[in-house]
Amino acid sequence: MRVQSTAIAEIDYKPEHGKLFVTFHDGDAYVYVGVPEKVSVAFVRSASKGRFFQRVIRDRYPYNRI
């Protein structure tokens, strides 16, 4: 889903696999593995997507660039 953020363009979550897909405005896209659904929900609902991403997701879950 598209989100309101200066850094992040889209967030998608696949609960059956615990995969969080994050696409940035510069076109870079990543998949984060093992992300709990409650974290993805909090991410989407957060007032600052970039700040939430930096503090809660980045460097805490395994990821791959896609």
N, C-alpha and C. Protein backbone atom coordinates (compact mmCIF):
# COMPACT_ATOMS: atom_id res chain seq x y z
N MET A 1 0.83 -1.17 0.00
CA MET A 1 0.00 0.00 0.00
C MET A 1 0.88 1.24 0.00
N ARG A 2 0.44 2.25 -0.70
CA ARG A 2 1.16 3.51 -0.69
C ARG A 2 0.96 4.18 0.66
N VAL A 3 2.00 4.85 1.14
CA VAL A 3 1.92 5.49 2.44
C VAL A 3 2.40 6.94 2.36
N GLN A 4 1.97 7.74 3.33
CA GLN A 4 2.41 9.13 3.45
C GLN A 4 3.75 9.14 4.17
N SER A 5 4.81 9.42 3.47
CA SER A 5 6.14 9.46 4.06
C SER A 5 7.08 10.17 3.10
N THR A 6 8.04 10.87 3.64
CA THR A 6 9.02 11.53 2.78
C THR A 6 10.07 10.55 2.27
N ALA A 7 10.24 9.42 2.96
CA ALA A 7 11.26 8.44 2.57
C ALA A 7 10.68 7.17 1.97
N ILE A 8 9.57 6.71 2.51
CA ILE A 8 9.01 5.41 2.14
C ILE A 8 7.78 5.59 1.26
N ALA A 9 7.78 4.90 0.13
CA ALA A 9 6.68 5.01 -0.82
C ALA A 9 5.60 3.96 -0.59
N GLU A 10 6.02 2.71 -0.33
CA GLU A 10 5.05 1.62 -0.19
C GLU A 10 5.48 0.64 0.88
N ILE A 11 4.48 0.06 1.54
CA ILE A 11 4.68 -0.99 2.53
C ILE A 11 3.71 -2.11 2.20
N ASP A 12 4.19 -3.33 2.19
CA ASP A 12 3.32 -4.50 1.99
C ASP A 12 3.76 -5.58 2.96
N TYR A 13 2.82 -6.35 3.45
CA TYR A 13 3.12 -7.39 4.43
C TYR A 13 2.43 -8.68 4.03
N LYS A 14 3.17 -9.77 4.08
CA LYS A 14 2.63 -11.11 3.80
C LYS A 14 2.66 -11.90 5.10
N PRO A 15 1.55 -11.94 5.84
CA PRO A 15 1.54 -12.57 7.17
C PRO A 15 1.85 -14.06 7.15
N GLU A 16 1.50 -14.75 6.07
CA GLU A 16 1.73 -16.19 6.02
C GLU A 16 3.22 -16.53 6.04
N HIS A 17 4.06 -15.57 5.67
CA HIS A 17 5.51 -15.79 5.65
C HIS A 17 6.27 -14.82 6.55
N GLY A 18 5.56 -13.90 7.18
CA GLY A 18 6.23 -12.90 8.02
C GLY A 18 7.16 -12.01 7.24
N LYS A 19 6.79 -11.72 5.98
CA LYS A 19 7.65 -10.90 5.12
C LYS A 19 7.08 -9.49 4.98
N LEU A 20 7.94 -8.52 5.21
CA LEU A 20 7.59 -7.12 5.08
C LEU A 20 8.34 -6.54 3.89
N PHE A 21 7.61 -5.98 2.95
CA PHE A 21 8.20 -5.39 1.75
C PHE A 21 8.16 -3.87 1.90
N VAL A 22 9.31 -3.24 1.73
CA VAL A 22 9.41 -1.79 1.88
C VAL A 22 10.04 -1.22 0.61
N THR A 23 9.34 -0.27 0.00
CA THR A 23 9.85 0.42 -1.19
C THR A 23 10.03 1.89 -0.86
N PHE A 24 11.21 2.40 -1.18
CA PHE A 24 11.53 3.79 -0.91
C PHE A 24 11.25 4.64 -2.14
N HIS A 25 11.15 5.95 -1.94
CA HIS A 25 10.86 6.85 -3.06
C HIS A 25 11.95 6.84 -4.12
N ASP A 26 13.17 6.46 -3.74
CA ASP A 26 14.25 6.42 -4.73
C ASP A 26 14.22 5.14 -5.58
N GLY A 27 13.23 4.26 -5.29
CA GLY A 27 13.08 3.04 -6.07
C GLY A 27 13.67 1.80 -5.43
N ASP A 28 14.52 1.97 -4.43
CA ASP A 28 15.09 0.81 -3.74
C ASP A 28 13.98 0.06 -3.00
N ALA A 29 14.02 -1.27 -3.09
CA ALA A 29 13.00 -2.10 -2.43
C ALA A 29 13.69 -3.24 -1.69
N TYR A 30 13.15 -3.56 -0.53
CA TYR A 30 13.72 -4.59 0.33
C TYR A 30 12.62 -5.47 0.89
N VAL A 31 12.97 -6.72 1.18
CA VAL A 31 12.07 -7.61 1.89
C VAL A 31 12.74 -7.96 3.21
N TYR A 32 11.99 -7.79 4.29
CA TYR A 32 12.46 -8.10 5.65
C TYR A 32 11.72 -9.35 6.10
N VAL A 33 12.47 -10.31 6.64
CA VAL A 33 11.92 -11.63 6.98
C VAL A 33 11.80 -11.79 8.50
N GLY A 34 10.71 -12.47 8.91
CA GLY A 34 10.51 -12.75 10.33
C GLY A 34 9.90 -11.60 11.09
N VAL A 35 9.28 -10.68 10.38
CA VAL A 35 8.66 -9.52 11.02
C VAL A 35 7.28 -9.91 11.55
N PRO A 36 7.03 -9.74 12.84
CA PRO A 36 5.71 -10.07 13.39
C PRO A 36 4.63 -9.15 12.82
N GLU A 37 3.44 -9.67 12.69
CA GLU A 37 2.33 -8.89 12.14
C GLU A 37 2.09 -7.62 12.95
N LYS A 38 2.21 -7.71 14.27
CA LYS A 38 1.97 -6.52 15.11
C LYS A 38 2.97 -5.41 14.80
N VAL A 39 4.18 -5.77 14.40
CA VAL A 39 5.17 -4.76 14.02
C VAL A 39 4.76 -4.10 12.70
N SER A 40 4.30 -4.89 11.74
CA SER A 40 3.89 -4.32 10.46
C SER A 40 2.69 -3.40 10.62
N VAL A 41 1.75 -3.78 11.48
CA VAL A 41 0.57 -2.93 11.73
C VAL A 41 1.01 -1.62 12.38
N ALA A 42 1.88 -1.69 13.37
CA ALA A 42 2.38 -0.48 14.03
C ALA A 42 3.14 0.41 13.04
N PHE A 43 3.87 -0.20 12.11
CA PHE A 43 4.60 0.53 11.08
C PHE A 43 3.65 1.34 10.22
N VAL A 44 2.62 0.69 9.72
CA VAL A 44 1.64 1.37 8.86
C VAL A 44 0.92 2.49 9.61
N ARG A 45 0.64 2.27 10.88
CA ARG A 45 -0.10 3.26 11.68
C ARG A 45 0.78 4.37 12.25
N SER A 46 2.09 4.22 12.18
CA SER A 46 2.98 5.20 12.80
C SER A 46 2.89 6.57 12.13
N ALA A 47 3.07 7.60 12.93
CA ALA A 47 3.02 8.97 12.41
C ALA A 47 4.22 9.25 11.52
N SER A 48 5.37 8.68 11.86
CA SER A 48 6.58 8.86 11.06
C SER A 48 7.09 7.50 10.62
N LYS A 49 6.81 7.15 9.37
CA LYS A 49 7.23 5.85 8.84
C LYS A 49 8.75 5.72 8.83
N GLY A 50 9.44 6.77 8.43
CA GLY A 50 10.89 6.73 8.38
C GLY A 50 11.51 6.50 9.74
N ARG A 51 11.02 7.22 10.74
CA ARG A 51 11.56 7.07 12.10
C ARG A 51 11.27 5.68 12.64
N PHE A 52 10.04 5.18 12.42
CA PHE A 52 9.69 3.84 12.89
C PHE A 52 10.59 2.80 12.22
N PHE A 53 10.77 2.94 10.91
CA PHE A 53 11.63 2.01 10.18
C PHE A 53 13.04 2.00 10.76
N GLN A 54 13.61 3.17 10.99
CA GLN A 54 14.98 3.27 11.52
C GLN A 54 15.10 2.64 12.90
N ARG A 55 14.11 2.87 13.76
CA ARG A 55 14.19 2.43 15.16
C ARG A 55 13.78 0.98 15.39
N VAL A 56 12.83 0.49 14.59
CA VAL A 56 12.23 -0.81 14.90
C VAL A 56 12.56 -1.90 13.88
N ILE A 57 12.77 -1.55 12.63
CA ILE A 57 12.90 -2.57 11.58
C ILE A 57 14.33 -2.70 11.03
N ARG A 58 14.88 -1.60 10.59
CA ARG A 58 16.21 -1.64 9.97
C ARG A 58 17.24 -2.22 10.94
N ASP A 59 18.05 -3.09 10.45
CA ASP A 59 19.13 -3.74 11.21
C ASP A 59 18.64 -4.67 12.32
N ARG A 60 17.33 -4.93 12.39
CA ARG A 60 16.80 -5.85 13.41
C ARG A 60 16.24 -7.14 12.81
N TYR A 61 15.96 -7.09 11.52
CA TYR A 61 15.43 -8.27 10.84
C TYR A 61 16.28 -8.55 9.61
N PRO A 62 16.47 -9.84 9.28
CA PRO A 62 17.21 -10.16 8.05
C PRO A 62 16.48 -9.60 6.84
N TYR A 63 17.23 -9.15 5.86
CA TYR A 63 16.61 -8.55 4.68
C TYR A 63 17.41 -8.86 3.42
N ASN A 64 16.75 -8.66 2.30
CA ASN A 64 17.37 -8.75 0.98
C ASN A 64 16.84 -7.61 0.13
N ARG A 65 17.72 -7.08 -0.69
CA ARG A 65 17.28 -6.08 -1.66
C ARG A 65 16.58 -6.81 -2.80
N ILE A 66 15.49 -6.25 -3.27
CA ILE A 66 14.75 -6.89 -4.37
C ILE A 66 14.62 -5.95 -5.55
